[in-house]
Protein backbone atom coordinates (compact mmCIF):
# COMPACT_ATOMS: atom_id res chain seq x y z
CA UNK A 1 1.59 -12.97 8.86
CA UNK A 2 -2.21 -13.40 10.42
CA UNK A 3 -4.32 -16.62 9.63
CA UNK A 4 -7.83 -15.45 9.15
CA UNK A 5 -9.27 -18.94 8.39
CA UNK A 6 -7.28 -22.23 7.68
CA UNK A 7 -4.86 -21.57 4.90
CA UNK A 8 -6.18 -17.88 4.38
CA UNK A 9 -3.38 -15.28 5.56
CA UNK A 10 -2.72 -11.58 5.32
CA UNK A 11 0.20 -9.51 6.32
CA UNK A 12 1.18 -5.95 7.00
CA UNK A 13 4.84 -6.45 7.64
CA UNK A 14 6.07 -5.13 4.41
CA UNK A 15 6.23 -1.65 2.62
CA UNK A 16 3.34 -1.37 0.18
CA UNK A 17 -0.07 -2.77 0.37
CA UNK A 18 -1.47 -5.34 2.82
CA UNK A 19 -0.70 -8.88 1.38
CA UNK A 20 -2.84 -11.85 1.16
CA UNK A 21 -2.27 -15.58 0.54
CA UNK A 22 -4.71 -18.62 0.11
CA UNK A 23 -2.96 -21.88 0.50
CA UNK A 24 -4.95 -24.64 -1.38
CA UNK A 25 -4.20 -28.35 -1.79
CA UNK A 26 -3.08 -27.71 -5.52
CA UNK A 27 -1.55 -24.31 -5.31
CA UNK A 28 -1.16 -20.86 -3.72
CA UNK A 29 -2.94 -17.62 -4.77
CA UNK A 30 -0.90 -14.58 -3.69
CA UNK A 31 -2.77 -11.18 -3.35
CA UNK A 32 -0.59 -8.28 -4.37
CA UNK A 33 2.96 -8.08 -4.01
CA UNK A 34 5.52 -6.37 -1.74
CA UNK A 35 7.06 -2.99 -3.07
CA UNK A 36 10.69 -4.41 -2.76
CA UNK A 37 11.93 -7.62 -4.57
CA UNK A 38 13.86 -8.64 -1.35
CA UNK A 39 10.56 -8.55 0.70
CA UNK A 40 8.77 -10.36 -2.08
CA UNK A 41 11.33 -13.39 -1.48
CA UNK A 42 10.67 -13.34 2.13
CA UNK A 43 7.11 -13.21 1.86
CA UNK A 44 6.87 -15.85 -0.80
CA UNK A 45 9.18 -18.11 1.28
CA UNK A 46 7.06 -17.74 4.42
CA UNK A 47 4.01 -18.61 2.59
CA UNK A 48 5.48 -21.58 0.74
CA UNK A 49 6.64 -23.06 4.21
CA UNK A 50 2.83 -23.46 4.98
CA UNK A 51 1.99 -25.03 1.92
CA UNK A 52 3.02 -28.53 2.19
CA UNK A 53 4.67 -28.52 -1.17
CA UNK A 54 1.95 -26.88 -3.45
CA UNK A 55 3.51 -26.39 -6.86
CA UNK A 56 1.15 -23.95 -8.76
CA UNK A 57 1.34 -20.27 -7.94
CA UNK A 58 -0.77 -17.29 -9.06
CA UNK A 59 -0.52 -13.57 -8.16
CA UNK A 60 -3.63 -11.44 -8.29
CA UNK A 61 -3.02 -7.62 -8.70
CA UNK A 62 -6.29 -5.98 -7.14
CA UNK A 63 -5.60 -3.14 -9.45
CA UNK A 64 -2.98 -1.20 -11.37
CA UNK A 65 -1.43 0.98 -8.60
CA UNK A 66 2.26 0.95 -8.54
CA UNK A 67 2.27 0.16 -4.81
CA UNK A 68 0.87 -3.23 -5.51
CA UNK A 69 2.48 -3.94 -8.86
CA UNK A 70 5.98 -2.61 -8.92
CA UNK A 71 7.18 -5.91 -6.96
CA UNK A 72 5.08 -8.42 -9.22
CA UNK A 73 8.24 -9.75 -11.06
CA UNK A 74 10.02 -10.85 -7.85
CA UNK A 75 7.01 -13.38 -7.21
CA UNK A 76 8.11 -15.35 -10.17
CA UNK A 77 4.55 -16.80 -10.99
CA UNK A 78 1.68 -16.13 -13.36
CA UNK A 79 -0.11 -13.01 -12.85
CA UNK A 80 -3.79 -12.18 -13.01
CA UNK A 81 -5.57 -8.80 -13.33
CA UNK A 82 -8.89 -7.35 -14.48
CA UNK A 83 -8.79 -6.49 -18.02
CA UNK A 84 -8.83 -2.73 -17.68
CA UNK A 85 -6.01 -3.03 -14.91
CA UNK A 86 -3.91 -5.06 -17.16
CA UNK A 87 -4.30 -2.78 -20.05
CA UNK A 88 -3.00 0.17 -17.94
CA UNK A 89 -0.08 -2.10 -17.02
CA UNK A 90 0.77 -3.12 -20.33
CA UNK A 91 1.02 0.59 -21.42
CA UNK A 92 3.82 1.40 -18.98
CA UNK A 93 7.36 1.19 -19.59
CA UNK A 94 9.30 -1.93 -19.16
CA UNK A 95 11.21 -0.24 -16.29
CA UNK A 96 9.57 1.74 -13.42
CA UNK A 97 10.62 5.31 -13.32
CA UNK A 98 9.04 7.13 -10.46
CA UNK A 99 8.67 10.50 -12.16
CA UNK A 100 5.11 11.24 -11.14
CA UNK A 101 4.41 14.33 -9.03
CA UNK A 102 4.05 13.50 -5.34
CA UNK A 103 0.76 11.41 -5.12
CA UNK A 104 1.03 10.25 -1.48
CA UNK A 105 1.77 6.66 -2.63
CA UNK A 106 4.08 4.18 -0.60
CA UNK A 107 6.59 3.80 -3.45
CA UNK A 108 7.63 7.42 -3.14
CA UNK A 109 9.15 6.65 0.28
CA UNK A 110 11.39 3.81 -1.15
CA UNK A 111 13.74 5.18 -3.89
CA UNK A 112 15.30 1.85 -4.44
CA UNK A 113 12.08 0.97 -6.34
CA UNK A 114 13.20 3.25 -9.13
CA UNK A 115 14.42 1.16 -12.03
CA UNK A 116 12.70 -2.11 -11.03
CA UNK A 117 11.34 -3.88 -14.12
CA UNK A 118 7.73 -4.26 -14.38
CA UNK A 119 6.05 -7.66 -14.92
CA UNK A 120 2.64 -7.02 -16.51
CA UNK A 121 -0.01 -9.74 -16.12
CA UNK A 122 0.04 -12.57 -18.43
CA UNK A 123 -3.66 -13.46 -17.55
CA UNK A 124 -6.83 -11.45 -17.54
CA UNK A 125 -10.47 -11.59 -16.82
CA UNK A 126 -13.62 -9.29 -17.56
CA UNK A 127 -16.29 -9.69 -14.88
CA UNK A 128 -15.54 -12.82 -12.69
CA UNK A 129 -13.23 -15.88 -12.82
CA UNK A 130 -13.38 -18.87 -10.48
CA UNK A 131 -10.31 -20.78 -9.31
CA UNK A 132 -10.50 -24.53 -8.45
CA UNK A 133 -7.28 -25.72 -6.71
CA UNK A 134 -8.98 -28.11 -4.40
CA UNK A 135 -10.44 -26.88 -1.05
CA UNK A 136 -12.73 -23.76 -1.24
CA UNK A 137 -13.55 -22.16 -4.47
CA UNK A 138 -11.87 -18.74 -4.96
CA UNK A 139 -13.52 -16.03 -7.06
CA UNK A 140 -11.77 -12.88 -8.40
CA UNK A 141 -14.44 -10.22 -9.22
CA UNK A 142 -14.60 -6.96 -10.98
CA UNK A 143 -15.55 -4.28 -8.48
CA UNK A 144 -14.62 -0.82 -9.96
CA UNK A 145 -14.75 2.38 -8.07
CA UNK A 146 -11.24 3.07 -6.72
CA UNK A 147 -10.05 2.58 -10.25
CA UNK A 148 -11.63 1.13 -13.50
CA UNK A 149 -9.88 -2.10 -12.99
CA UNK A 150 -10.29 -2.96 -9.41
CA UNK A 151 -10.71 -6.48 -8.23
CA UNK A 152 -11.85 -8.45 -5.05
CA UNK A 153 -10.79 -11.98 -4.20
CA UNK A 154 -13.59 -13.87 -2.48
CA UNK A 155 -13.63 -17.06 -0.76
CA UNK A 156 -17.37 -17.46 -0.07
CA UNK A 157 -17.02 -20.89 1.83
CA UNK A 158 -14.77 -19.27 4.26
CA UNK A 159 -16.56 -15.83 4.52
CA UNK A 160 -13.55 -13.78 3.72
CA UNK A 161 -13.03 -11.11 0.93
CA UNK A 162 -9.84 -9.12 -0.06
CA UNK A 163 -11.17 -5.82 -1.36
CA UNK A 164 -8.15 -3.87 -1.99
CA UNK A 165 -8.64 0.03 -2.00
CA UNK A 166 -12.49 -0.18 -1.86
CA UNK A 167 -12.04 0.16 1.89
CA UNK A 168 -8.91 1.88 3.42
CA UNK A 169 -8.32 2.08 7.18
CA UNK A 170 -6.89 5.09 8.81
CA UNK A 171 -5.77 6.35 5.27
CA UNK A 172 -7.43 8.58 2.70
CA UNK A 173 -8.64 7.29 -0.76
CA UNK A 174 -6.56 7.40 -3.73
CA UNK A 175 -8.77 9.49 -6.09
CA UNK A 176 -6.81 10.39 -9.32
CA UNK A 177 -8.19 7.26 -11.20
CA UNK A 178 -11.46 6.95 -9.09
CA UNK A 179 -15.10 7.09 -10.16
CA UNK A 180 -16.84 8.05 -6.80
CA UNK A 181 -20.52 7.05 -7.80
CA UNK A 182 -19.16 3.71 -8.85
CA UNK A 183 -17.23 3.33 -5.76
CA UNK A 184 -20.14 4.06 -3.64
CA UNK A 185 -22.14 1.33 -5.27
CA UNK A 186 -19.32 -1.08 -4.58
CA UNK A 187 -19.35 -0.18 -0.84
CA UNK A 188 -23.13 -0.63 -1.12
CA UNK A 189 -22.40 -4.12 -2.38
CA UNK A 190 -20.12 -4.85 0.60
CA UNK A 191 -22.73 -3.84 3.04
CA UNK A 192 -25.62 -5.69 1.56
CA UNK A 193 -23.86 -8.90 0.23
CA UNK A 194 -20.78 -9.30 2.67
CA UNK A 195 -22.31 -8.66 5.98
CA UNK A 196 -20.96 -11.81 7.80
CA UNK A 197 -17.52 -11.79 5.98
CA UNK A 198 -14.09 -10.82 7.21
CA UNK A 199 -13.22 -7.86 4.84
CA UNK A 200 -9.51 -7.45 4.28
CA UNK A 201 -8.43 -3.98 3.18
CA UNK A 202 -5.78 -3.50 0.58
CA UNK A 203 -4.35 -0.95 3.16
CA UNK A 204 -5.11 -1.73 6.68
CA UNK A 205 -5.71 -5.50 7.15
CA UNK A 206 -9.02 -6.54 8.73
CA UNK A 207 -11.58 -3.92 9.11
CA UNK A 208 -14.66 -3.66 10.91
CA UNK A 209 -18.17 -3.27 8.98
CA UNK A 210 -18.60 0.20 10.73
CA UNK A 211 -15.70 1.39 8.61
CA UNK A 212 -17.57 0.56 5.48
CA UNK A 213 -20.43 2.83 6.61
CA UNK A 214 -18.04 5.51 7.61
CA UNK A 215 -16.33 5.59 4.38
CA UNK A 216 -19.62 5.57 2.60
CA UNK A 217 -20.63 8.75 4.30
CA UNK A 218 -17.09 10.34 3.65
CA UNK A 219 -17.32 9.58 0.01
CA UNK A 220 -20.96 11.13 -0.48
CA UNK A 221 -19.70 14.17 1.62
CA UNK A 222 -16.97 14.58 -0.73
CA UNK A 223 -18.87 14.37 -3.87
CA UNK A 224 -21.29 17.18 -2.50
CA UNK A 225 -18.24 19.42 -1.58
CA UNK A 226 -16.64 18.92 -5.10
CA UNK A 227 -20.21 19.36 -6.76
CA UNK A 228 -20.61 22.57 -4.90
CA UNK A 229 -17.12 24.02 -6.14
CA UNK A 230 -17.93 22.82 -9.80
CA UNK A 231 -21.28 24.61 -9.85
CA UNK A 232 -19.14 27.84 -9.10
CA UNK A 233 -16.76 26.88 -11.89
CA UNK A 234 -13.87 26.95 -9.45
CA UNK A 235 -10.38 25.97 -10.75
CA UNK A 236 -8.76 22.49 -9.92
CA UNK A 237 -6.58 24.27 -7.61
CA UNK A 238 -9.49 25.27 -5.33
CA UNK A 239 -10.67 21.41 -5.09
CA UNK A 240 -7.25 20.42 -4.03
CA UNK A 241 -7.53 23.02 -1.39
CA UNK A 242 -10.23 20.80 0.23
CA UNK A 243 -7.75 18.26 1.39
CA UNK A 244 -7.06 19.77 4.64
CA UNK A 245 -10.76 20.00 5.52
CA UNK A 246 -11.45 16.28 4.46
CA UNK A 247 -8.30 14.61 5.88
CA UNK A 248 -9.74 14.02 9.44
CA UNK A 249 -12.88 12.22 7.70
CA UNK A 250 -10.29 9.50 6.54
CA UNK A 251 -6.97 9.62 8.48
CA UNK A 252 -7.47 11.18 11.92
CA UNK A 253 -4.19 11.78 13.96
CA UNK A 254 -2.00 9.68 11.82
CA UNK A 255 1.84 9.74 11.88
CA UNK A 256 1.62 9.65 7.94
CA UNK A 257 -0.51 12.82 8.01
CA UNK A 258 1.54 14.90 5.59
CA UNK A 259 1.72 11.96 2.86
CA UNK A 260 -2.06 11.47 3.51
CA UNK A 261 -2.49 15.15 2.92
CA UNK A 262 -0.69 15.15 -0.28
CA UNK A 263 -2.43 12.09 -1.32
CA UNK A 264 -5.71 13.96 -1.18
CA UNK A 265 -4.47 17.02 -2.65
CA UNK A 266 -3.12 15.22 -5.76
CA UNK A 267 -6.18 12.93 -6.02
CA UNK A 268 -8.77 15.75 -5.70
CA UNK A 269 -6.89 17.78 -8.40
CA UNK A 270 -6.76 15.00 -10.85
CA UNK A 271 -10.20 13.80 -10.02
CA UNK A 272 -11.70 17.25 -10.70
CA UNK A 273 -9.71 17.80 -14.01
CA UNK A 274 -11.16 14.30 -15.38
CA UNK A 275 -14.70 14.57 -14.23
CA UNK A 276 -15.60 18.12 -14.12
CA UNK A 277 -13.23 20.18 -16.42
CA UNK A 278 -14.17 19.94 -20.14
CA UNK A 279 -11.51 19.49 -22.87
CA UNK A 280 -12.31 23.09 -24.23
CA UNK A 281 -11.56 24.45 -20.61
CA UNK A 282 -8.24 22.43 -20.47
CA UNK A 283 -7.27 24.13 -23.75
CA UNK A 284 -8.03 27.49 -23.01
CA UNK A 285 -5.80 27.14 -19.81
């Protein structure tokens, strides 16, 4: 567990996303949950040991991705998510069944997650919510792009922002539920409004601002490549074949290369279907 500023922590010790915690005089804000319930117990205990008896606890789901929401129930506290993320979580079955095709997600490497009971959020917001538990104010803001219900947790006074999958370090993006033009707008916001902030990625921990610019370039390049294929009326399978050519832009020389390649293949295929293939074309197929 790494302390960024007094009372603000992140951890990459557990399977799943980068975790965050903000310890305030009157409570603790947890940011995302470990995949496995037993890891959730350990993480929560470690943070509580630094909280000096703070009683109130809140978990923020930065989006609806299973990697960061499967373990929410084990955190045993109120859960907050942006409204669109919450709607997606409400529509899932009460028990997690890992029956999706290989999407390059972390949960796919842990079969013990199959059968875990979901705990959907019991609190939602639309654009922004401010938390006052003593100490610095904490804002949870809607910043879509990686998915419609993506959130950031921002502590302006301490110049720290947890941005989920908006920026990824040494890993390719999840594209299946993304909207690339909106994602680029969110990255532009990071560049313009958060220059002096410590940025915590939801997959990779603290990231340099140079990485934001690199990801901007990579996403713009990706849009051009997809647009080029769309103009040729290429089938979705042709777009997923772009994965090998694009992988080094996001995940060079990484030990998770095969998983990341599958993530891009799956994401490109789904993205193209949703944004470039009409309902009529799908019916013809």
